[in-house]
Amino acid sequence: MSSALADPPSLHPHLLLRRLHSLLGLVPLGAFLCFHLWENSQSRLGALHYNERVVGALHRLNYLPLIELVLIALPLLFHAGYGLVILRSGRAEPGRYPYLRNRLYWFQRLSGLGLILFLLLHVGLTRIAGLFDPAIAADLHGYMQAALRQPWLLPIYLLGLGLAVLHLANGLATAAIVWGLTSSAAAQRRFGWACAGLGLLLAALGVQGLFGFLAP
């Protein structure tokens, strides 16, 4: 009787939260990462273009703070917070079970933790600092150029970029399995290679953007 009255697995709160965590990691957060890397890649076109056409255009958007709150900040807080819950309750043992999927599972958890630390630095250095100093928003290109010329910061940004694109690419491949889009081993392998290609493309775009800030 008790099993008949139990909630179906698809309605279990933990499963629903896992699905929501996965969905928010792709949309809007994954989509925003792609957009953010694309807009930063325009740093190679110079300070005037970047400050006026990229940063200026964004700041002229109506309700920008509300958009940032609803589409970026709140989904990010949930995704990161619930990711920590998953990390704490995870039982992956890559040393005992040296399978690729198990290692990727554990890498996803650890890369997420590293990303939280990197985003605290990145958001504090740019968005929050810009709230207190309007000169940063007025010349974000010059500000980032000066910041990235510090020898300790560029390696951190390259590491953060690598963690972000790998986290997204691996998360996309995992989400396809969780949502039943790639049910066979062959489909998972093919889509995994496609996700790896996407990760490499985004990494190249991000590296171009970082070194575009350093161009004279």
Protein backbone atom coordinates (compact mmCIF):
# COMPACT_ATOMS: atom_id res chain seq x y z
CA MET A 1 0.00 0.00 0.00
CA SER A 2 2.76 2.43 0.92
CA SER A 3 4.55 1.87 -2.38
CA ALA A 4 1.34 2.51 -4.29
CA LEU A 5 0.85 5.84 -2.52
CA ALA A 6 4.45 6.93 -2.91
CA ASP A 7 5.24 9.76 -5.29
CA PRO A 8 6.30 8.67 -8.77
CA PRO A 9 10.06 9.03 -9.28
CA SER A 10 9.54 11.80 -11.83
CA LEU A 11 7.77 13.89 -9.19
CA HIS A 12 10.33 13.45 -6.43
CA PRO A 13 11.43 16.90 -5.23
CA HIS A 14 15.12 16.01 -5.45
CA LEU A 15 14.74 14.86 -9.06
CA LEU A 16 12.85 18.01 -9.95
CA LEU A 17 15.57 20.15 -8.39
CA ARG A 18 18.22 18.21 -10.28
CA ARG A 19 16.36 18.81 -13.54
CA LEU A 20 15.96 22.52 -12.74
CA HIS A 21 19.65 22.72 -11.82
CA SER A 22 20.56 21.14 -15.15
CA LEU A 23 18.17 23.33 -17.15
CA LEU A 24 19.34 26.60 -15.61
CA GLY A 25 22.95 25.60 -16.23
CA LEU A 26 22.20 25.52 -19.96
CA VAL A 27 19.51 28.20 -20.25
CA PRO A 28 20.09 30.96 -19.36
CA LEU A 29 23.57 30.50 -17.88
CA GLY A 30 25.17 28.52 -20.71
CA ALA A 31 23.60 30.82 -23.29
CA PHE A 32 24.89 33.85 -21.40
CA LEU A 33 28.40 32.40 -21.28
CA CYS A 34 28.39 32.01 -25.07
CA PHE A 35 27.15 35.59 -25.48
CA HIS A 36 29.64 36.94 -22.95
CA LEU A 37 32.59 35.27 -24.68
CA TRP A 38 31.38 36.57 -28.04
CA GLU A 39 31.05 40.16 -26.81
CA ASN A 40 34.46 40.04 -25.13
CA SER A 41 36.02 38.69 -28.33
CA GLN A 42 35.31 42.13 -29.81
CA SER A 43 38.00 43.57 -27.55
CA ARG A 44 40.37 42.93 -30.47
CA LEU A 45 38.60 45.73 -32.40
CA GLY A 46 39.92 48.34 -30.00
CA ALA A 47 38.82 50.38 -27.02
CA LEU A 48 36.50 52.74 -28.90
CA HIS A 49 34.52 49.92 -30.52
CA TYR A 50 34.37 47.83 -27.35
CA ASN A 51 33.37 50.67 -25.03
CA GLU A 52 30.81 52.22 -27.38
CA ARG A 53 29.40 49.32 -29.40
CA VAL A 54 29.56 46.54 -26.79
CA VAL A 55 29.50 47.96 -23.26
CA GLY A 56 27.62 51.12 -24.23
CA ALA A 57 24.93 49.18 -26.09
CA LEU A 58 24.35 46.94 -23.08
CA HIS A 59 24.07 49.85 -20.68
CA ARG A 60 21.51 51.51 -22.95
CA LEU A 61 19.19 48.52 -22.57
CA ASN A 62 15.97 49.22 -20.70
CA TYR A 63 15.69 47.47 -17.33
CA LEU A 64 19.27 46.15 -17.50
CA PRO A 65 19.55 45.62 -13.68
CA LEU A 66 16.28 43.65 -13.72
CA ILE A 67 17.47 41.54 -16.67
CA GLU A 68 20.76 40.82 -14.90
CA LEU A 69 18.94 39.87 -11.70
CA VAL A 70 16.31 37.58 -13.26
CA LEU A 71 18.30 35.99 -16.08
CA ILE A 72 21.79 35.83 -14.57
CA ALA A 73 22.11 36.45 -10.83
CA LEU A 74 19.20 34.37 -9.50
CA PRO A 75 19.75 31.37 -11.82
CA LEU A 76 23.46 31.50 -11.00
CA LEU A 77 22.83 31.55 -7.25
CA PHE A 78 20.51 28.55 -7.49
CA HIS A 79 22.78 26.62 -9.85
CA ALA A 80 25.85 27.24 -7.69
CA GLY A 81 24.04 26.64 -4.39
CA TYR A 82 22.41 23.40 -5.46
CA GLY A 83 25.66 22.35 -7.10
CA LEU A 84 27.29 22.55 -3.67
CA VAL A 85 24.51 20.36 -2.28
CA ILE A 86 25.20 17.78 -5.00
CA LEU A 87 28.94 18.00 -4.33
CA ARG A 88 28.41 17.37 -0.62
CA SER A 89 26.12 14.39 -1.19
CA GLY A 90 28.09 12.93 -4.11
CA ARG A 91 29.69 9.51 -3.80
CA ALA A 92 31.96 9.53 -6.85
CA GLU A 93 35.29 7.78 -6.20
CA PRO A 94 37.50 8.28 -9.27
CA GLY A 95 40.35 6.32 -7.73
CA ARG A 96 38.21 3.27 -6.97
CA TYR A 97 36.04 3.50 -10.11
CA PRO A 98 38.36 4.77 -12.86
CA TYR A 99 35.67 5.00 -15.53
CA LEU A 100 35.56 8.03 -17.82
CA ARG A 101 31.96 8.89 -16.97
CA ASN A 102 32.71 8.71 -13.24
CA ARG A 103 35.76 10.94 -13.64
CA LEU A 104 33.77 13.43 -15.68
CA TYR A 105 31.10 13.44 -12.97
CA TRP A 106 33.68 14.28 -10.35
CA PHE A 107 35.36 16.86 -12.60
CA GLN A 108 31.98 18.58 -13.10
CA ARG A 109 31.57 18.97 -9.36
CA LEU A 110 35.12 20.26 -8.76
CA SER A 111 35.11 22.59 -11.76
CA GLY A 112 31.88 24.09 -10.46
CA LEU A 113 33.54 24.80 -7.13
CA GLY A 114 36.48 26.44 -8.90
CA LEU A 115 34.07 28.50 -10.99
CA ILE A 116 32.35 29.85 -7.90
CA LEU A 117 35.68 31.17 -6.63
CA PHE A 118 36.57 32.61 -10.03
CA LEU A 119 33.20 34.33 -10.45
CA LEU A 120 33.54 35.97 -7.05
CA LEU A 121 36.78 37.50 -8.29
CA HIS A 122 35.48 38.37 -11.78
CA VAL A 123 32.18 39.91 -10.72
CA GLY A 124 33.84 41.80 -7.88
CA LEU A 125 36.57 43.11 -10.16
CA THR A 126 34.20 44.27 -12.91
CA ARG A 127 30.49 44.62 -12.18
CA ILE A 128 30.64 45.46 -8.48
CA ALA A 129 33.71 47.68 -8.80
CA GLY A 130 31.94 49.52 -11.63
CA LEU A 131 29.06 50.40 -9.30
CA PHE A 132 31.44 52.38 -7.12
CA ASP A 133 33.62 53.83 -9.87
CA PRO A 134 31.79 55.11 -13.00
CA ALA A 135 35.14 55.44 -14.78
CA ILE A 136 35.34 51.65 -14.99
CA ALA A 137 32.12 51.39 -16.98
CA ALA A 138 33.15 54.36 -19.13
CA ASP A 139 36.38 52.65 -20.20
CA LEU A 140 36.02 48.97 -19.39
CA HIS A 141 38.47 48.08 -22.15
CA GLY A 142 41.23 50.18 -20.60
CA TYR A 143 40.37 48.92 -17.13
CA MET A 144 40.59 45.27 -18.20
CA GLN A 145 43.77 45.96 -20.16
CA ALA A 146 45.47 47.35 -17.06
CA ALA A 147 44.13 44.53 -14.86
CA LEU A 148 45.18 41.70 -17.19
CA ARG A 149 48.68 43.13 -17.54
CA GLN A 150 49.25 42.20 -13.92
CA PRO A 151 51.24 38.95 -14.15
CA TRP A 152 49.15 37.09 -11.57
CA LEU A 153 45.70 37.87 -13.01
CA LEU A 154 45.95 36.64 -16.62
CA PRO A 155 46.70 33.00 -15.60
CA ILE A 156 43.71 33.09 -13.24
CA TYR A 157 41.46 34.31 -16.04
CA LEU A 158 42.77 31.66 -18.42
CA LEU A 159 42.09 29.01 -15.78
CA GLY A 160 38.62 30.41 -15.10
CA LEU A 161 37.88 30.43 -18.82
CA GLY A 162 38.97 26.81 -19.14
CA LEU A 163 36.83 25.74 -16.20
CA ALA A 164 33.80 27.60 -17.58
CA VAL A 165 33.86 26.11 -21.09
CA LEU A 166 34.66 22.60 -19.85
CA HIS A 167 31.90 22.82 -17.25
CA LEU A 168 29.42 23.88 -19.92
CA ALA A 169 30.54 21.31 -22.51
CA ASN A 170 30.50 18.42 -20.05
CA GLY A 171 27.25 19.65 -18.53
CA LEU A 172 25.64 19.74 -21.97
CA ALA A 173 26.72 16.15 -22.67
CA THR A 174 25.46 15.02 -19.26
CA ALA A 175 22.17 16.87 -19.64
CA ALA A 176 21.51 15.07 -22.92
CA ILE A 177 21.79 11.76 -21.07
CA VAL A 178 19.68 12.91 -18.11
CA TRP A 179 16.92 14.24 -20.36
CA GLY A 180 16.93 11.07 -22.48
CA LEU A 181 18.17 12.72 -25.68
CA THR A 182 21.14 10.36 -26.07
CA SER A 183 20.02 6.95 -24.85
CA SER A 184 22.55 4.71 -26.58
CA ALA A 185 26.30 4.54 -25.96
CA ALA A 186 26.99 5.44 -29.59
CA ALA A 187 24.75 8.52 -29.42
CA GLN A 188 26.39 9.60 -26.16
CA ARG A 189 29.84 9.21 -27.71
CA ARG A 190 28.94 11.20 -30.84
CA PHE A 191 27.28 13.98 -28.88
CA GLY A 192 30.19 14.00 -26.44
CA TRP A 193 32.57 14.76 -29.31
CA ALA A 194 30.23 17.51 -30.52
CA CYS A 195 30.23 19.04 -27.03
CA ALA A 196 34.03 18.82 -26.92
CA GLY A 197 34.16 20.69 -30.24
CA LEU A 198 31.85 23.37 -28.84
CA GLY A 199 34.09 23.68 -25.78
CA LEU A 200 37.18 24.16 -27.95
CA LEU A 201 35.40 26.79 -30.03
CA LEU A 202 34.30 28.72 -26.95
CA ALA A 203 37.77 28.43 -25.43
CA ALA A 204 39.33 29.88 -28.59
CA LEU A 205 36.80 32.70 -28.54
CA GLY A 206 37.54 33.41 -24.89
CA VAL A 207 41.32 33.38 -25.32
CA GLN A 208 40.95 35.74 -28.27
CA GLY A 209 38.96 38.09 -26.09
CA LEU A 210 41.46 38.04 -23.23
CA PHE A 211 44.45 38.74 -25.44
CA GLY A 212 42.41 41.30 -27.39
CA PHE A 213 42.41 43.43 -24.24
CA LEU A 214 46.21 43.25 -24.19
CA ALA A 215 46.68 44.39 -27.77
CA PRO A 216 48.35 47.82 -28.03
